[in-house]
Structure formats: structure tokens, C-alpha cells
Amino acid sequence: MKYYCWLAIWLLLYPAGLPAAQDTGTVETKIKTVMVDPNTQAPVVVLESVADQKLLPIWIDVAEARAIALELE
């Protein structure tokens, strides 16, 4: 079950395969969700770009995850 979660995130991030490295400058994002990595039990914040709704997971520390979750509530 946990592998399906990461497969879904991978397919959302890279629907057409791995993108080429590009210098795109600054990208406006918003926090989509805060979740826990099922493999490492580490918190992950998922950012979503405003322009094209691409997702970017970022592994963070527990203290930062709590602060973000409290602010979102």
C-alpha cells in the first residue's frame, strides 16, 4: 500500500518521465499537504506550483512539520 502512494506522487511529479535540468528562476508555490513518508516515518511537505500545479515533496524535520501543520489549521 505504501508503495502505491509514492508511485502516485511520482506519476504526478513526472507524468512524461524525468525532466531536463532547467534554470526557471523563481516559482510561486503553495503548500498542498503535510504528510509522513511511510518508509522513513519522516514528515514531508508537498508544495504545488501555482502556475501549472506541479508537485514538489520536501522532507522536513518534525518541529517544522508541527509548525506548518498548526499554521495550516
PDB file of N, CA and C in Angstrom:
ATOM      1  N   MET A   1       0.823  -1.195   0.000  1.00  0.00           N
ATOM      2  CA  MET A   1       0.000   0.000   0.000  1.00  0.00           C
ATOM      3  C   MET A   1       0.870   1.263   0.000  1.00  0.00           C
ATOM      4  N   LYS A   2       1.930   1.276   0.831  1.00  0.00           N
ATOM      5  CA  LYS A   2       2.763   2.462   0.926  1.00  0.00           C
ATOM      6  C   LYS A   2       3.485   2.755  -0.378  1.00  0.00           C
ATOM      7  N   TYR A   3       3.769   1.723  -1.155  1.00  0.00           N
ATOM      8  CA  TYR A   3       4.466   1.931  -2.417  1.00  0.00           C
ATOM      9  C   TYR A   3       3.550   2.591  -3.449  1.00  0.00           C
ATOM     10  N   TYR A   4       2.250   2.331  -3.359  1.00  0.00           N
ATOM     11  CA  TYR A   4       1.309   2.948  -4.284  1.00  0.00           C
ATOM     12  C   TYR A   4       1.237   4.455  -4.073  1.00  0.00           C
ATOM     13  N   CYS A   5       1.381   4.883  -2.823  1.00  0.00           N
ATOM     14  CA  CYS A   5       1.378   6.318  -2.509  1.00  0.00           C
ATOM     15  C   CYS A   5       2.532   7.016  -3.218  1.00  0.00           C
ATOM     16  N   TRP A   6       3.732   6.431  -3.115  1.00  0.00           N
ATOM     17  CA  TRP A   6       4.896   7.052  -3.745  1.00  0.00           C
ATOM     18  C   TRP A   6       4.841   6.945  -5.259  1.00  0.00           C
ATOM     19  N   LEU A   7       4.257   5.868  -5.766  1.00  0.00           N
ATOM     20  CA  LEU A   7       4.085   5.745  -7.214  1.00  0.00           C
ATOM     21  C   LEU A   7       3.154   6.842  -7.715  1.00  0.00           C
ATOM     22  N   ALA A   8       2.082   7.109  -6.983  1.00  0.00           N
ATOM     23  CA  ALA A   8       1.148   8.163  -7.374  1.00  0.00           C
ATOM     24  C   ALA A   8       1.829   9.525  -7.349  1.00  0.00           C
ATOM     25  N   ILE A   9       2.621   9.791  -6.319  1.00  0.00           N
ATOM     26  CA  ILE A   9       3.340  11.072  -6.249  1.00  0.00           C
ATOM     27  C   ILE A   9       4.318  11.177  -7.414  1.00  0.00           C
ATOM     28  N   TRP A  10       5.035  10.079  -7.701  1.00  0.00           N
ATOM     29  CA  TRP A  10       5.996  10.090  -8.813  1.00  0.00           C
ATOM     30  C   TRP A  10       5.290  10.402 -10.125  1.00  0.00           C
ATOM     31  N   LEU A  11       4.151   9.772 -10.369  1.00  0.00           N
ATOM     32  CA  LEU A  11       3.430   9.995 -11.626  1.00  0.00           C
ATOM     33  C   LEU A  11       2.889  11.416 -11.725  1.00  0.00           C
ATOM     34  N   LEU A  12       2.522  12.008 -10.583  1.00  0.00           N
ATOM     35  CA  LEU A  12       2.070  13.397 -10.593  1.00  0.00           C
ATOM     36  C   LEU A  12       3.226  14.354 -10.869  1.00  0.00           C
ATOM     37  N   LEU A  13       4.398  14.041 -10.312  1.00  0.00           N
ATOM     38  CA  LEU A  13       5.552  14.915 -10.489  1.00  0.00           C
ATOM     39  C   LEU A  13       6.155  14.793 -11.882  1.00  0.00           C
ATOM     40  N   TYR A  14       6.216  13.580 -12.397  1.00  0.00           N
ATOM     41  CA  TYR A  14       6.895  13.335 -13.675  1.00  0.00           C
ATOM     42  C   TYR A  14       6.018  12.520 -14.617  1.00  0.00           C
ATOM     43  N   PRO A  15       4.898  13.081 -15.098  1.00  0.00           N
ATOM     44  CA  PRO A  15       4.000  12.308 -15.956  1.00  0.00           C
ATOM     45  C   PRO A  15       4.634  11.910 -17.291  1.00  0.00           C
ATOM     46  N   ALA A  16       5.636  12.655 -17.761  1.00  0.00           N
ATOM     47  CA  ALA A  16       6.253  12.347 -19.050  1.00  0.00           C
ATOM     48  C   ALA A  16       7.696  11.886 -18.890  1.00  0.00           C
ATOM     49  N   GLY A  17       8.061  11.379 -17.726  1.00  0.00           N
ATOM     50  CA  GLY A  17       9.437  10.942 -17.496  1.00  0.00           C
ATOM     51  C   GLY A  17      10.218  12.008 -16.756  1.00  0.00           C
ATOM     52  N   LEU A  18      11.519  11.841 -16.684  1.00  0.00           N
ATOM     53  CA  LEU A  18      12.366  12.792 -15.979  1.00  0.00           C
ATOM     54  C   LEU A  18      12.545  14.062 -16.801  1.00  0.00           C
ATOM     55  N   PRO A  19      12.323  15.222 -16.188  1.00  0.00           N
ATOM     56  CA  PRO A  19      12.508  16.472 -16.923  1.00  0.00           C
ATOM     57  C   PRO A  19      13.993  16.832 -17.012  1.00  0.00           C
ATOM     58  N   ALA A  20      14.338  17.567 -18.039  1.00  0.00           N
ATOM     59  CA  ALA A  20      15.710  18.051 -18.177  1.00  0.00           C
ATOM     60  C   ALA A  20      15.943  19.175 -17.177  1.00  0.00           C
ATOM     61  N   ALA A  21      17.167  19.297 -16.701  1.00  0.00           N
ATOM     62  CA  ALA A  21      17.503  20.369 -15.764  1.00  0.00           C
ATOM     63  C   ALA A  21      17.391  21.707 -16.487  1.00  0.00           C
ATOM     64  N   GLN A  22      16.647  22.624 -15.881  1.00  0.00           N
ATOM     65  CA  GLN A  22      16.451  23.942 -16.466  1.00  0.00           C
ATOM     66  C   GLN A  22      16.553  24.995 -15.379  1.00  0.00           C
ATOM     67  N   ASP A  23      17.023  26.165 -15.754  1.00  0.00           N
ATOM     68  CA  ASP A  23      17.046  27.288 -14.836  1.00  0.00           C
ATOM     69  C   ASP A  23      15.772  28.088 -15.074  1.00  0.00           C
ATOM     70  N   THR A  24      14.758  27.851 -14.234  1.00  0.00           N
ATOM     71  CA  THR A  24      13.468  28.503 -14.431  1.00  0.00           C
ATOM     72  C   THR A  24      13.274  29.715 -13.532  1.00  0.00           C
ATOM     73  N   GLY A  25      14.236  30.023 -12.688  1.00  0.00           N
ATOM     74  CA  GLY A  25      14.089  31.167 -11.806  1.00  0.00           C
ATOM     75  C   GLY A  25      13.177  30.835 -10.636  1.00  0.00           C
ATOM     76  N   THR A  26      12.449  31.823 -10.155  1.00  0.00           N
ATOM     77  CA  THR A  26      11.567  31.667  -9.016  1.00  0.00           C
ATOM     78  C   THR A  26      10.211  31.139  -9.453  1.00  0.00           C
ATOM     79  N   VAL A  27       9.678  30.193  -8.686  1.00  0.00           N
ATOM     80  CA  VAL A  27       8.373  29.614  -8.977  1.00  0.00           C
ATOM     81  C   VAL A  27       7.484  29.817  -7.757  1.00  0.00           C
ATOM     82  N   GLU A  28       6.334  30.425  -7.947  1.00  0.00           N
ATOM     83  CA  GLU A  28       5.396  30.628  -6.844  1.00  0.00           C
ATOM     84  C   GLU A  28       4.731  29.295  -6.511  1.00  0.00           C
ATOM     85  N   THR A  29       4.737  28.948  -5.215  1.00  0.00           N
ATOM     86  CA  THR A  29       4.135  27.690  -4.774  1.00  0.00           C
ATOM     87  C   THR A  29       3.227  27.933  -3.580  1.00  0.00           C
ATOM     88  N   LYS A  30       2.418  26.920  -3.288  1.00  0.00           N
ATOM     89  CA  LYS A  30       1.614  26.921  -2.073  1.00  0.00           C
ATOM     90  C   LYS A  30       1.727  25.527  -1.460  1.00  0.00           C
ATOM     91  N   ILE A  31       1.440  25.421  -0.177  1.00  0.00           N
ATOM     92  CA  ILE A  31       1.514  24.127   0.496  1.00  0.00           C
ATOM     93  C   ILE A  31       0.262  23.342   0.150  1.00  0.00           C
ATOM     94  N   LYS A  32       0.459  22.175  -0.433  1.00  0.00           N
ATOM     95  CA  LYS A  32      -0.656  21.295  -0.789  1.00  0.00           C
ATOM     96  C   LYS A  32      -1.048  20.445   0.416  1.00  0.00           C
ATOM     97  N   THR A  33      -0.056  19.818   1.065  1.00  0.00           N
ATOM     98  CA  THR A  33      -0.332  18.974   2.225  1.00  0.00           C
ATOM     99  C   THR A  33       0.951  18.723   3.008  1.00  0.00           C
ATOM    100  N   VAL A  34       0.783  18.260   4.231  1.00  0.00           N
ATOM    101  CA  VAL A  34       1.888  17.773   5.054  1.00  0.00           C
ATOM    102  C   VAL A  34       1.553  16.327   5.382  1.00  0.00           C
ATOM    103  N   MET A  35       2.498  15.417   5.102  1.00  0.00           N
ATOM    104  CA  MET A  35       2.240  14.000   5.313  1.00  0.00           C
ATOM    105  C   MET A  35       3.480  13.333   5.907  1.00  0.00           C
ATOM    106  N   VAL A  36       3.398  12.031   6.153  1.00  0.00           N
ATOM    107  CA  VAL A  36       4.517  11.272   6.696  1.00  0.00           C
ATOM    108  C   VAL A  36       4.965  10.260   5.651  1.00  0.00           C
ATOM    109  N   ASP A  37       6.269  10.214   5.401  1.00  0.00           N
ATOM    110  CA  ASP A  37       6.843   9.234   4.484  1.00  0.00           C
ATOM    111  C   ASP A  37       6.649   7.847   5.099  1.00  0.00           C
ATOM    112  N   PRO A  38       5.957   6.940   4.416  1.00  0.00           N
ATOM    113  CA  PRO A  38       5.691   5.625   5.008  1.00  0.00           C
ATOM    114  C   PRO A  38       6.947   4.766   5.183  1.00  0.00           C
ATOM    115  N   ASN A  39       7.998   5.034   4.440  1.00  0.00           N
ATOM    116  CA  ASN A  39       9.226   4.239   4.553  1.00  0.00           C
ATOM    117  C   ASN A  39      10.102   4.689   5.710  1.00  0.00           C
ATOM    118  N   THR A  40      10.266   5.994   5.884  1.00  0.00           N
ATOM    119  CA  THR A  40      11.194   6.518   6.887  1.00  0.00           C
ATOM    120  C   THR A  40      10.505   7.160   8.081  1.00  0.00           C
ATOM    121  N   GLN A  41       9.189   7.316   8.011  1.00  0.00           N
ATOM    122  CA  GLN A  41       8.403   7.992   9.047  1.00  0.00           C
ATOM    123  C   GLN A  41       8.811   9.452   9.212  1.00  0.00           C
ATOM    124  N   ALA A  42       9.439  10.031   8.200  1.00  0.00           N
ATOM    125  CA  ALA A  42       9.828  11.438   8.230  1.00  0.00           C
ATOM    126  C   ALA A  42       8.707  12.293   7.651  1.00  0.00           C
ATOM    127  N   PRO A  43       8.487  13.481   8.202  1.00  0.00           N
ATOM    128  CA  PRO A  43       7.458  14.370   7.656  1.00  0.00           C
ATOM    129  C   PRO A  43       7.865  14.906   6.282  1.00  0.00           C
ATOM    130  N   VAL A  44       6.864  15.084   5.439  1.00  0.00           N
ATOM    131  CA  VAL A  44       7.075  15.600   4.091  1.00  0.00           C
ATOM    132  C   VAL A  44       6.046  16.699   3.849  1.00  0.00           C
ATOM    133  N   VAL A  45       6.510  17.843   3.390  1.00  0.00           N
ATOM    134  CA  VAL A  45       5.591  18.890   2.956  1.00  0.00           C
ATOM    135  C   VAL A  45       5.555  18.822   1.427  1.00  0.00           C
ATOM    136  N   VAL A  46       4.350  18.851   0.866  1.00  0.00           N
ATOM    137  CA  VAL A  46       4.191  18.786  -0.582  1.00  0.00           C
ATOM    138  C   VAL A  46       3.785  20.172  -1.065  1.00  0.00           C
ATOM    139  N   LEU A  47       4.650  20.758  -1.887  1.00  0.00           N
ATOM    140  CA  LEU A  47       4.375  22.070  -2.465  1.00  0.00           C
ATOM    141  C   LEU A  47       3.754  21.894  -3.842  1.00  0.00           C
ATOM    142  N   GLU A  48       2.865  22.822  -4.220  1.00  0.00           N
ATOM    143  CA  GLU A  48       2.235  22.801  -5.535  1.00  0.00           C
ATOM    144  C   GLU A  48       2.493  24.138  -6.206  1.00  0.00           C
ATOM    145  N   SER A  49       3.004  24.109  -7.443  1.00  0.00           N
ATOM    146  CA  SER A  49       3.249  25.361  -8.154  1.00  0.00           C
ATOM    147  C   SER A  49       1.908  25.975  -8.549  1.00  0.00           C
ATOM    148  N   VAL A  50       1.827  27.283  -8.445  1.00  0.00           N
ATOM    149  CA  VAL A  50       0.583  27.991  -8.717  1.00  0.00           C
ATOM    150  C   VAL A  50       0.257  27.972 -10.212  1.00  0.00           C
ATOM    151  N   ALA A  51       1.264  28.123 -11.049  1.00  0.00           N
ATOM    152  CA  ALA A  51       1.035  28.240 -12.487  1.00  0.00           C
ATOM    153  C   ALA A  51       0.579  26.938 -13.149  1.00  0.00           C
ATOM    154  N   ASP A  52       1.263  25.832 -12.853  1.00  0.00           N
ATOM    155  CA  ASP A  52       0.961  24.601 -13.588  1.00  0.00           C
ATOM    156  C   ASP A  52       0.637  23.404 -12.698  1.00  0.00           C
ATOM    157  N   GLN A  53       0.425  23.610 -11.411  1.00  0.00           N
ATOM    158  CA  GLN A  53       0.026  22.586 -10.449  1.00  0.00           C
ATOM    159  C   GLN A  53       0.976  21.391 -10.386  1.00  0.00           C
ATOM    160  N   LYS A  54       2.272  21.591 -10.618  1.00  0.00           N
ATOM    161  CA  LYS A  54       3.248  20.529 -10.414  1.00  0.00           C
ATOM    162  C   LYS A  54       3.521  20.408  -8.928  1.00  0.00           C
ATOM    163  N   LEU A  55       3.806  19.187  -8.470  1.00  0.00           N
ATOM    164  CA  LEU A  55       4.030  18.926  -7.053  1.00  0.00           C
ATOM    165  C   LEU A  55       5.502  18.709  -6.772  1.00  0.00           C
ATOM    166  N   LEU A  56       5.929  19.169  -5.577  1.00  0.00           N
ATOM    167  CA  LEU A  56       7.312  19.003  -5.149  1.00  0.00           C
ATOM    168  C   LEU A  56       7.330  18.575  -3.679  1.00  0.00           C
ATOM    169  N   PRO A  57       7.707  17.311  -3.385  1.00  0.00           N
ATOM    170  CA  PRO A  57       7.801  16.894  -1.981  1.00  0.00           C
ATOM    171  C   PRO A  57       9.135  17.324  -1.389  1.00  0.00           C
ATOM    172  N   ILE A  58       9.099  17.800  -0.142  1.00  0.00           N
ATOM    173  CA  ILE A  58      10.306  18.203   0.574  1.00  0.00           C
ATOM    174  C   ILE A  58      10.272  17.552   1.951  1.00  0.00           C
ATOM    175  N   TRP A  59      11.296  16.759   2.260  1.00  0.00           N
ATOM    176  CA  TRP A  59      11.395  16.103   3.557  1.00  0.00           C
ATOM    177  C   TRP A  59      11.888  17.130   4.577  1.00  0.00           C
ATOM    178  N   ILE A  60      11.177  17.235   5.699  1.00  0.00           N
ATOM    179  CA  ILE A  60      11.490  18.234   6.720  1.00  0.00           C
ATOM    180  C   ILE A  60      11.584  17.552   8.083  1.00  0.00           C
ATOM    181  N   ASP A  61      11.969  18.319   9.097  1.00  0.00           N
ATOM    182  CA  ASP A  61      12.089  17.822  10.461  1.00  0.00           C
ATOM    183  C   ASP A  61      10.722  17.887  11.153  1.00  0.00           C
ATOM    184  N   VAL A  62      10.575  17.152  12.234  1.00  0.00           N
ATOM    185  CA  VAL A  62       9.307  17.075  12.955  1.00  0.00           C
ATOM    186  C   VAL A  62       8.873  18.447  13.474  1.00  0.00           C
ATOM    187  N   ALA A  63       9.806  19.235  14.001  1.00  0.00           N
ATOM    188  CA  ALA A  63       9.455  20.556  14.550  1.00  0.00           C
ATOM    189  C   ALA A  63       8.871  21.461  13.463  1.00  0.00           C
ATOM    190  N   GLU A  64       9.476  21.462  12.286  1.00  0.00           N
ATOM    191  CA  GLU A  64       8.968  22.282  11.194  1.00  0.00           C
ATOM    192  C   GLU A  64       7.610  21.774  10.722  1.00  0.00           C
ATOM    193  N   ALA A  65       7.435  20.456  10.681  1.00  0.00           N
ATOM    194  CA  ALA A  65       6.154  19.882  10.262  1.00  0.00           C
ATOM    195  C   ALA A  65       5.032  20.294  11.213  1.00  0.00           C
ATOM    196  N   ARG A  66       5.319  20.270  12.519  1.00  0.00           N
ATOM    197  CA  ARG A  66       4.311  20.690  13.503  1.00  0.00           C
ATOM    198  C   ARG A  66       3.956  22.162  13.325  1.00  0.00           C
ATOM    199  N   ALA A  67       4.959  23.006  13.120  1.00  0.00           N
ATOM    200  CA  ALA A  67       4.712  24.435  12.946  1.00  0.00           C
ATOM    201  C   ALA A  67       3.864  24.704  11.703  1.00  0.00           C
ATOM    202  N   ILE A  68       4.178  24.012  10.612  1.00  0.00           N
ATOM    203  CA  ILE A  68       3.418  24.199   9.377  1.00  0.00           C
ATOM    204  C   ILE A  68       1.994  23.692   9.552  1.00  0.00           C
ATOM    205  N   ALA A  69       1.829  22.510  10.165  1.00  0.00           N
ATOM    206  CA  ALA A  69       0.500  21.950  10.377  1.00  0.00           C
ATOM    207  C   ALA A  69      -0.355  22.862  11.260  1.00  0.00           C
ATOM    208  N   LEU A  70       0.249  23.436  12.305  1.00  0.00           N
ATOM    209  CA  LEU A  70      -0.506  24.354  13.159  1.00  0.00           C
ATOM    210  C   LEU A  70      -0.931  25.605  12.397  1.00  0.00           C
ATOM    211  N   GLU A  71      -0.067  26.111  11.564  1.00  0.00           N
ATOM    212  CA  GLU A  71      -0.397  27.317  10.790  1.00  0.00           C
ATOM    213  C   GLU A  71      -1.504  27.014   9.764  1.00  0.00           C
ATOM    214  N   LEU A  72      -1.474  25.818   9.185  1.00  0.00           N
ATOM    215  CA  LEU A  72      -2.496  25.456   8.199  1.00  0.00           C
ATOM    216  C   LEU A  72      -3.872  25.287   8.846  1.00  0.00           C
ATOM    217  N   GLU A  73      -3.890  24.849  10.107  1.00  0.00           N
ATOM    218  CA  GLU A  73      -5.166  24.693  10.814  1.00  0.00           C
ATOM    219  C   GLU A  73      -5.697  26.043  11.203  1.00  0.00           C
TER     220      GLU A  73
END
